[in-house]
């Protein structure tokens, strides 16, 4: 998605307009379809903010904060089941201000549809997690019954 120049642009201009890459934030942001506006961090990010951060490996990631902890954040992509822990303020480069769906700009601070989407994420995550656990249990049962024949 991005390279080190993005950090320079955000520091210089206060924001950057960039294209998304990947499926971790679907269905909200689709691979190579949604231009996004990332702003410089001016205050500590909050729960539900979508942040651009840089892992210690150098990889850039755009995921949502699911829990703010005293020294770090728990972060997860909307289309992911695994939560990443240990993302600290030093990793965070910017915060998603908004994005485009075609010609329509969605402001993360004011758009009502966006706010409804965010409020539904907890339930969508729980449903996906339950489906995954059920599938895992069914596969395990299948192996047990196949093995016992």
N, C-alpha and C. Protein backbone atom coordinates (compact mmCIF):
# COMPACT_ATOMS: atom_id res chain seq x y z
N UNK A 1 0.81 -1.20 0.00
CA UNK A 1 0.00 0.00 0.00
C UNK A 1 0.85 1.25 0.00
N UNK A 2 1.85 1.30 0.85
CA UNK A 2 2.53 2.57 1.02
C UNK A 2 4.02 2.37 1.24
N UNK A 3 4.75 3.47 1.10
CA UNK A 3 6.17 3.42 1.37
C UNK A 3 6.52 4.52 2.36
N UNK A 4 7.79 4.66 2.64
CA UNK A 4 8.21 5.62 3.66
C UNK A 4 7.87 7.06 3.29
N UNK A 5 7.67 7.35 2.01
CA UNK A 5 7.33 8.71 1.61
C UNK A 5 6.02 9.16 2.24
N UNK A 6 5.14 8.21 2.51
CA UNK A 6 3.85 8.58 3.10
C UNK A 6 4.04 9.25 4.46
N UNK A 7 5.01 8.78 5.23
CA UNK A 7 5.29 9.40 6.53
C UNK A 7 5.75 10.84 6.34
N UNK A 8 6.61 11.05 5.36
CA UNK A 8 7.09 12.41 5.08
C UNK A 8 5.95 13.32 4.64
N UNK A 9 5.07 12.81 3.78
CA UNK A 9 3.95 13.61 3.29
C UNK A 9 3.01 13.98 4.43
N UNK A 10 2.69 13.03 5.29
CA UNK A 10 1.80 13.31 6.42
C UNK A 10 2.44 14.33 7.34
N UNK A 11 3.72 14.20 7.61
CA UNK A 11 4.38 15.17 8.49
C UNK A 11 4.43 16.56 7.84
N UNK A 12 4.67 16.60 6.56
CA UNK A 12 4.78 17.88 5.86
C UNK A 12 3.42 18.55 5.66
N UNK A 13 2.43 17.78 5.16
CA UNK A 13 1.15 18.36 4.76
C UNK A 13 0.03 18.15 5.78
N UNK A 14 0.23 17.26 6.74
CA UNK A 14 -0.80 16.99 7.73
C UNK A 14 -1.77 15.90 7.32
N UNK A 15 -1.73 15.49 6.06
CA UNK A 15 -2.60 14.43 5.56
C UNK A 15 -2.03 13.87 4.27
N UNK A 16 -2.60 12.74 3.85
CA UNK A 16 -2.25 12.16 2.56
C UNK A 16 -3.48 11.48 1.99
N UNK A 17 -3.61 11.52 0.69
CA UNK A 17 -4.66 10.79 -0.03
C UNK A 17 -3.97 9.60 -0.67
N UNK A 18 -4.44 8.41 -0.36
CA UNK A 18 -3.77 7.19 -0.81
C UNK A 18 -4.82 6.15 -1.19
N UNK A 19 -4.45 5.16 -1.96
CA UNK A 19 -5.35 4.08 -2.35
C UNK A 19 -5.12 2.88 -1.43
N UNK A 20 -6.20 2.20 -1.08
CA UNK A 20 -6.08 1.01 -0.24
C UNK A 20 -5.56 -0.17 -1.05
N UNK A 21 -4.91 -1.09 -0.35
CA UNK A 21 -4.45 -2.34 -0.95
C UNK A 21 -4.71 -3.43 0.09
N UNK A 22 -5.39 -4.49 -0.33
CA UNK A 22 -5.65 -5.61 0.57
C UNK A 22 -7.12 -5.69 0.94
N UNK A 23 -7.45 -6.80 1.61
CA UNK A 23 -8.85 -7.06 1.94
C UNK A 23 -9.15 -7.03 3.44
N UNK A 24 -8.19 -6.65 4.25
CA UNK A 24 -8.38 -6.74 5.70
C UNK A 24 -9.43 -5.78 6.25
N UNK A 25 -9.77 -4.72 5.51
CA UNK A 25 -10.76 -3.77 6.00
C UNK A 25 -12.09 -3.89 5.24
N UNK A 26 -12.25 -4.97 4.47
CA UNK A 26 -13.54 -5.18 3.81
C UNK A 26 -14.59 -5.52 4.86
N UNK A 27 -15.82 -5.19 4.65
CA UNK A 27 -16.40 -4.65 3.42
C UNK A 27 -16.31 -3.13 3.30
N UNK A 28 -15.81 -2.45 4.33
CA UNK A 28 -15.76 -0.99 4.28
C UNK A 28 -14.84 -0.49 3.18
N UNK A 29 -13.62 -0.99 3.14
CA UNK A 29 -12.64 -0.58 2.15
C UNK A 29 -12.27 -1.78 1.30
N UNK A 30 -12.43 -1.65 0.01
CA UNK A 30 -12.17 -2.74 -0.90
C UNK A 30 -10.81 -2.57 -1.58
N UNK A 31 -10.17 -3.69 -1.86
CA UNK A 31 -8.84 -3.71 -2.45
C UNK A 31 -8.76 -2.83 -3.70
N UNK A 32 -7.90 -1.82 -3.64
CA UNK A 32 -7.61 -0.93 -4.77
C UNK A 32 -8.84 -0.19 -5.33
N UNK A 33 -9.86 0.01 -4.47
CA UNK A 33 -11.06 0.69 -4.93
C UNK A 33 -11.39 1.96 -4.16
N UNK A 34 -10.81 2.12 -2.99
CA UNK A 34 -11.19 3.25 -2.15
C UNK A 34 -10.02 4.17 -1.83
N UNK A 35 -10.01 5.37 -2.41
CA UNK A 35 -9.04 6.35 -1.94
C UNK A 35 -9.36 6.72 -0.49
N UNK A 36 -8.34 6.84 0.33
CA UNK A 36 -8.51 7.16 1.74
C UNK A 36 -7.73 8.42 2.09
N UNK A 37 -8.21 9.13 3.09
CA UNK A 37 -7.53 10.32 3.60
C UNK A 37 -7.02 9.97 5.00
N UNK A 38 -5.71 9.99 5.15
CA UNK A 38 -5.07 9.73 6.43
C UNK A 38 -4.52 11.04 6.96
N UNK A 39 -4.89 11.38 8.20
CA UNK A 39 -4.42 12.61 8.83
C UNK A 39 -3.32 12.32 9.83
N UNK A 40 -2.50 13.32 10.05
CA UNK A 40 -1.48 13.26 11.09
C UNK A 40 -2.16 13.07 12.44
N UNK A 41 -1.55 12.31 13.32
CA UNK A 41 -2.08 12.08 14.66
C UNK A 41 -1.87 13.36 15.48
N UNK A 42 -2.96 13.89 16.03
CA UNK A 42 -2.87 15.10 16.86
C UNK A 42 -3.25 14.82 18.31
N UNK A 43 -3.89 13.69 18.55
CA UNK A 43 -4.24 13.27 19.91
C UNK A 43 -4.22 11.75 19.94
N UNK A 44 -4.24 11.20 21.13
CA UNK A 44 -4.19 9.74 21.25
C UNK A 44 -5.44 9.14 20.58
N UNK A 45 -5.23 8.19 19.66
CA UNK A 45 -6.39 7.57 19.00
C UNK A 45 -7.33 6.89 19.99
N UNK A 46 -8.59 6.77 19.58
CA UNK A 46 -9.64 6.20 20.43
C UNK A 46 -10.10 4.86 19.86
N UNK A 47 -10.85 4.16 20.70
CA UNK A 47 -11.47 2.92 20.25
C UNK A 47 -12.31 3.21 19.01
N UNK A 48 -12.25 2.34 18.04
CA UNK A 48 -12.94 2.40 16.75
C UNK A 48 -12.23 3.27 15.71
N UNK A 49 -11.21 4.05 16.08
CA UNK A 49 -10.46 4.77 15.07
C UNK A 49 -9.73 3.77 14.19
N UNK A 50 -9.63 4.09 12.92
CA UNK A 50 -8.85 3.29 11.98
C UNK A 50 -7.51 4.00 11.84
N UNK A 51 -6.45 3.29 12.15
CA UNK A 51 -5.12 3.91 12.15
C UNK A 51 -4.20 3.24 11.13
N UNK A 52 -3.33 4.05 10.58
CA UNK A 52 -2.24 3.55 9.76
C UNK A 52 -1.05 3.42 10.69
N UNK A 53 -0.52 2.22 10.79
CA UNK A 53 0.65 2.02 11.64
C UNK A 53 1.70 1.22 10.91
N UNK A 54 2.88 1.28 11.45
CA UNK A 54 4.02 0.59 10.84
C UNK A 54 4.54 -0.42 11.85
N UNK A 55 4.46 -1.69 11.45
CA UNK A 55 4.98 -2.75 12.31
C UNK A 55 6.50 -2.64 12.39
N UNK A 56 7.06 -3.27 13.40
CA UNK A 56 8.52 -3.25 13.54
C UNK A 56 9.21 -3.85 12.32
N UNK A 57 8.51 -4.71 11.59
CA UNK A 57 9.05 -5.31 10.37
C UNK A 57 9.13 -4.31 9.21
N UNK A 58 8.47 -3.14 9.38
CA UNK A 58 8.45 -2.14 8.32
C UNK A 58 7.17 -2.17 7.50
N UNK A 59 6.30 -3.15 7.74
CA UNK A 59 5.05 -3.28 7.00
C UNK A 59 4.04 -2.24 7.48
N UNK A 60 3.39 -1.58 6.51
CA UNK A 60 2.33 -0.62 6.82
C UNK A 60 1.00 -1.36 6.87
N UNK A 61 0.18 -1.01 7.86
CA UNK A 61 -1.11 -1.68 8.05
C UNK A 61 -2.15 -0.63 8.40
N UNK A 62 -3.35 -0.81 7.85
CA UNK A 62 -4.48 0.06 8.17
C UNK A 62 -5.54 -0.82 8.83
N UNK A 63 -5.69 -0.71 10.16
CA UNK A 63 -6.65 -1.51 10.91
C UNK A 63 -7.33 -0.64 11.96
N UNK A 64 -8.36 -1.21 12.56
CA UNK A 64 -9.19 -0.50 13.53
C UNK A 64 -8.77 -0.83 14.97
N UNK A 65 -8.77 0.19 15.81
CA UNK A 65 -8.49 -0.02 17.23
C UNK A 65 -9.73 -0.64 17.86
N UNK A 66 -9.55 -1.80 18.50
CA UNK A 66 -10.68 -2.45 19.17
C UNK A 66 -10.60 -2.29 20.69
N UNK A 67 -9.42 -1.91 21.18
CA UNK A 67 -9.27 -1.63 22.61
C UNK A 67 -8.08 -0.72 22.83
N UNK A 68 -8.31 0.31 23.63
CA UNK A 68 -7.23 1.21 24.03
C UNK A 68 -6.75 0.75 25.40
N UNK A 69 -5.46 0.47 25.50
CA UNK A 69 -4.88 0.04 26.77
C UNK A 69 -3.90 1.13 27.21
N UNK A 70 -3.47 1.10 28.47
CA UNK A 70 -2.61 2.20 28.95
C UNK A 70 -1.35 2.43 28.13
N UNK A 71 -0.71 1.36 27.65
CA UNK A 71 0.57 1.51 26.96
C UNK A 71 0.54 1.10 25.50
N UNK A 72 -0.59 0.56 25.04
CA UNK A 72 -0.67 0.12 23.66
C UNK A 72 -2.13 -0.02 23.24
N UNK A 73 -2.32 -0.62 22.07
CA UNK A 73 -3.66 -0.80 21.51
C UNK A 73 -3.83 -2.23 21.05
N UNK A 74 -5.06 -2.70 21.10
CA UNK A 74 -5.45 -3.95 20.45
C UNK A 74 -6.09 -3.52 19.13
N UNK A 75 -5.61 -4.09 18.04
CA UNK A 75 -6.00 -3.63 16.71
C UNK A 75 -6.38 -4.84 15.85
N UNK A 76 -7.41 -4.64 15.00
CA UNK A 76 -7.86 -5.74 14.14
C UNK A 76 -8.46 -5.16 12.87
N UNK A 77 -8.22 -5.83 11.76
CA UNK A 77 -8.89 -5.47 10.52
C UNK A 77 -10.36 -5.87 10.60
N UNK A 78 -11.23 -5.12 9.96
CA UNK A 78 -12.67 -5.43 10.00
C UNK A 78 -12.97 -6.81 9.43
N UNK A 79 -12.11 -7.30 8.55
CA UNK A 79 -12.31 -8.59 7.89
C UNK A 79 -11.38 -9.66 8.47
N UNK A 80 -10.92 -9.46 9.68
CA UNK A 80 -10.00 -10.40 10.32
C UNK A 80 -10.58 -10.91 11.63
N UNK A 81 -10.12 -12.10 12.03
CA UNK A 81 -10.53 -12.66 13.32
C UNK A 81 -9.47 -12.46 14.38
N UNK A 82 -8.22 -12.37 13.97
CA UNK A 82 -7.13 -12.23 14.94
C UNK A 82 -6.88 -10.78 15.30
N UNK A 83 -6.67 -10.55 16.58
CA UNK A 83 -6.39 -9.22 17.11
C UNK A 83 -4.89 -9.10 17.33
N UNK A 84 -4.35 -7.97 16.96
CA UNK A 84 -2.92 -7.71 17.15
C UNK A 84 -2.76 -6.83 18.39
N UNK A 85 -1.87 -7.25 19.28
CA UNK A 85 -1.60 -6.50 20.50
C UNK A 85 -0.21 -5.91 20.42
N UNK A 86 0.05 -4.91 21.23
CA UNK A 86 1.38 -4.34 21.28
C UNK A 86 1.65 -3.23 20.29
N UNK A 87 0.61 -2.74 19.63
CA UNK A 87 0.78 -1.58 18.75
C UNK A 87 0.81 -0.35 19.65
N UNK A 88 1.93 0.35 19.64
CA UNK A 88 2.13 1.50 20.53
C UNK A 88 2.00 2.80 19.74
N UNK A 89 1.93 3.89 20.48
CA UNK A 89 1.82 5.20 19.83
C UNK A 89 2.96 5.44 18.84
N UNK A 90 4.14 4.93 19.13
CA UNK A 90 5.28 5.14 18.24
C UNK A 90 5.08 4.47 16.88
N UNK A 91 4.21 3.46 16.81
CA UNK A 91 3.94 2.77 15.55
C UNK A 91 2.94 3.52 14.68
N UNK A 92 2.09 4.32 15.30
CA UNK A 92 0.97 4.93 14.58
C UNK A 92 1.43 6.17 13.82
N UNK A 93 1.13 6.16 12.53
CA UNK A 93 1.54 7.22 11.62
C UNK A 93 0.40 8.21 11.38
N UNK A 94 -0.81 7.69 11.30
CA UNK A 94 -1.94 8.56 11.02
C UNK A 94 -3.26 7.89 11.33
N UNK A 95 -4.33 8.68 11.23
CA UNK A 95 -5.68 8.22 11.51
C UNK A 95 -6.54 8.45 10.28
N UNK A 96 -7.39 7.49 9.96
CA UNK A 96 -8.30 7.63 8.83
C UNK A 96 -9.31 8.73 9.11
N UNK A 97 -9.31 9.75 8.27
CA UNK A 97 -10.29 10.84 8.38
C UNK A 97 -11.52 10.53 7.55
N UNK A 98 -11.32 9.90 6.40
CA UNK A 98 -12.43 9.57 5.52
C UNK A 98 -11.96 8.78 4.33
N UNK A 99 -12.94 8.40 3.50
CA UNK A 99 -12.63 7.61 2.31
C UNK A 99 -13.70 7.85 1.26
N UNK A 100 -13.38 7.44 0.07
CA UNK A 100 -14.30 7.61 -1.06
C UNK A 100 -14.89 6.27 -1.48
N UNK A 101 -16.19 6.30 -1.74
CA UNK A 101 -16.89 5.20 -2.40
C UNK A 101 -17.36 5.80 -3.71
N UNK A 102 -16.65 5.53 -4.77
CA UNK A 102 -16.93 6.21 -6.04
C UNK A 102 -16.65 7.69 -5.85
N UNK A 103 -17.63 8.51 -6.14
CA UNK A 103 -17.49 9.97 -5.99
C UNK A 103 -17.88 10.46 -4.60
N UNK A 104 -18.50 9.60 -3.83
CA UNK A 104 -19.02 10.00 -2.51
C UNK A 104 -17.95 9.92 -1.44
N UNK A 105 -17.75 11.03 -0.71
CA UNK A 105 -16.79 11.06 0.38
C UNK A 105 -17.49 10.70 1.68
N UNK A 106 -16.91 9.78 2.43
CA UNK A 106 -17.44 9.36 3.73
C UNK A 106 -16.53 9.93 4.80
N UNK A 107 -17.05 10.85 5.59
CA UNK A 107 -16.30 11.46 6.69
C UNK A 107 -16.50 10.60 7.93
N UNK A 108 -15.42 10.05 8.46
CA UNK A 108 -15.51 9.13 9.59
C UNK A 108 -16.05 9.80 10.86
N UNK A 109 -15.96 11.11 10.95
CA UNK A 109 -16.43 11.81 12.15
C UNK A 109 -17.91 12.12 12.09
N UNK A 110 -18.49 12.23 10.89
CA UNK A 110 -19.86 12.72 10.81
C UNK A 110 -20.84 11.84 10.05
N UNK A 111 -20.36 10.92 9.23
CA UNK A 111 -21.26 10.15 8.38
C UNK A 111 -22.08 9.14 9.19
N UNK A 112 -23.39 9.22 9.09
CA UNK A 112 -24.29 8.37 9.88
C UNK A 112 -24.20 6.90 9.47
N UNK A 113 -24.09 6.63 8.17
CA UNK A 113 -23.95 5.24 7.73
C UNK A 113 -22.67 4.62 8.27
N UNK A 114 -21.59 5.40 8.26
CA UNK A 114 -20.32 4.91 8.79
C UNK A 114 -20.47 4.58 10.28
N UNK A 115 -21.12 5.45 11.03
CA UNK A 115 -21.29 5.22 12.46
C UNK A 115 -22.12 3.97 12.73
N UNK A 116 -23.15 3.73 11.91
CA UNK A 116 -23.95 2.50 12.05
C UNK A 116 -23.09 1.27 11.75
N UNK A 117 -22.28 1.38 10.71
CA UNK A 117 -21.38 0.28 10.36
C UNK A 117 -20.46 -0.04 11.53
N UNK A 118 -19.85 0.97 12.12
CA UNK A 118 -18.91 0.76 13.22
C UNK A 118 -19.63 0.12 14.41
N UNK A 119 -20.85 0.58 14.71
CA UNK A 119 -21.57 0.01 15.85
C UNK A 119 -21.96 -1.45 15.61
N UNK A 120 -22.03 -1.89 14.37
CA UNK A 120 -22.40 -3.28 14.07
C UNK A 120 -21.18 -4.21 14.06
N UNK A 121 -19.98 -3.69 14.09
CA UNK A 121 -18.79 -4.53 13.93
C UNK A 121 -18.65 -5.59 15.02
N UNK A 122 -18.95 -5.24 16.25
CA UNK A 122 -18.81 -6.20 17.35
C UNK A 122 -19.63 -7.45 17.07
N UNK A 123 -20.87 -7.27 16.60
CA UNK A 123 -21.75 -8.40 16.35
C UNK A 123 -21.30 -9.19 15.12
N UNK A 124 -20.82 -8.48 14.11
CA UNK A 124 -20.31 -9.17 12.92
C UNK A 124 -19.08 -10.01 13.27
N UNK A 125 -18.21 -9.45 14.12
CA UNK A 125 -17.02 -10.18 14.54
C UNK A 125 -17.43 -11.44 15.33
N UNK A 126 -18.36 -11.29 16.27
CA UNK A 126 -18.79 -12.43 17.07
C UNK A 126 -19.42 -13.51 16.19
N UNK A 127 -20.19 -13.12 15.19
CA UNK A 127 -20.80 -14.09 14.28
C UNK A 127 -19.73 -14.82 13.47
N UNK A 128 -18.73 -14.07 12.95
CA UNK A 128 -17.65 -14.71 12.19
C UNK A 128 -16.84 -15.66 13.07
N UNK A 129 -16.57 -15.23 14.31
CA UNK A 129 -15.81 -16.05 15.24
C UNK A 129 -16.57 -17.33 15.57
N UNK A 130 -17.88 -17.21 15.82
CA UNK A 130 -18.70 -18.39 16.12
C UNK A 130 -18.71 -19.34 14.93
N UNK A 131 -18.83 -18.80 13.73
CA UNK A 131 -18.83 -19.63 12.52
C UNK A 131 -17.51 -20.37 12.38
N UNK A 132 -16.41 -19.67 12.64
CA UNK A 132 -15.10 -20.30 12.54
C UNK A 132 -14.95 -21.41 13.58
N UNK A 133 -15.37 -21.15 14.83
CA UNK A 133 -15.26 -22.16 15.88
C UNK A 133 -16.15 -23.36 15.59
N UNK A 134 -17.35 -23.11 15.07
CA UNK A 134 -18.27 -24.20 14.71
C UNK A 134 -17.65 -25.05 13.60
N UNK A 135 -17.10 -24.40 12.59
CA UNK A 135 -16.46 -25.12 11.50
C UNK A 135 -15.29 -25.96 11.98
N UNK A 136 -14.51 -25.40 12.88
CA UNK A 136 -13.36 -26.13 13.43
C UNK A 136 -13.84 -27.36 14.22
N UNK A 137 -14.91 -27.18 15.02
CA UNK A 137 -15.45 -28.30 15.80
C UNK A 137 -16.00 -29.39 14.88
N UNK A 138 -16.68 -28.99 13.81
CA UNK A 138 -17.24 -29.97 12.88
C UNK A 138 -16.12 -30.75 12.16
N UNK A 139 -15.05 -30.06 11.79
CA UNK A 139 -13.93 -30.76 11.15
C UNK A 139 -13.29 -31.76 12.11
N UNK A 140 -13.16 -31.35 13.37
CA UNK A 140 -12.58 -32.23 14.38
C UNK A 140 -13.47 -33.46 14.59
N UNK A 141 -14.77 -33.25 14.68
CA UNK A 141 -15.70 -34.37 14.82
C UNK A 141 -15.62 -35.29 13.61
N UNK A 142 -15.52 -34.70 12.43
CA UNK A 142 -15.39 -35.50 11.22
C UNK A 142 -14.16 -36.38 11.26
N UNK A 143 -13.04 -35.83 11.74
CA UNK A 143 -11.81 -36.62 11.85
C UNK A 143 -11.97 -37.74 12.87
N UNK A 144 -12.64 -37.45 13.98
CA UNK A 144 -12.84 -38.46 15.02
C UNK A 144 -13.68 -39.62 14.49
N UNK A 145 -14.81 -39.26 13.83
CA UNK A 145 -15.68 -40.32 13.32
C UNK A 145 -15.03 -41.09 12.18
N UNK A 146 -14.26 -40.43 11.34
CA UNK A 146 -13.57 -41.10 10.24
C UNK A 146 -12.50 -42.05 10.80
N UNK A 147 -11.80 -41.60 11.84
CA UNK A 147 -10.73 -42.38 12.45
C UNK A 147 -11.28 -43.62 13.16
N UNK A 148 -12.47 -43.54 13.73
CA UNK A 148 -13.05 -44.63 14.49
C UNK A 148 -13.74 -45.68 13.63
N UNK A 149 -13.80 -45.50 12.34
CA UNK A 149 -14.47 -46.49 11.47
C UNK A 149 -13.59 -47.68 11.20
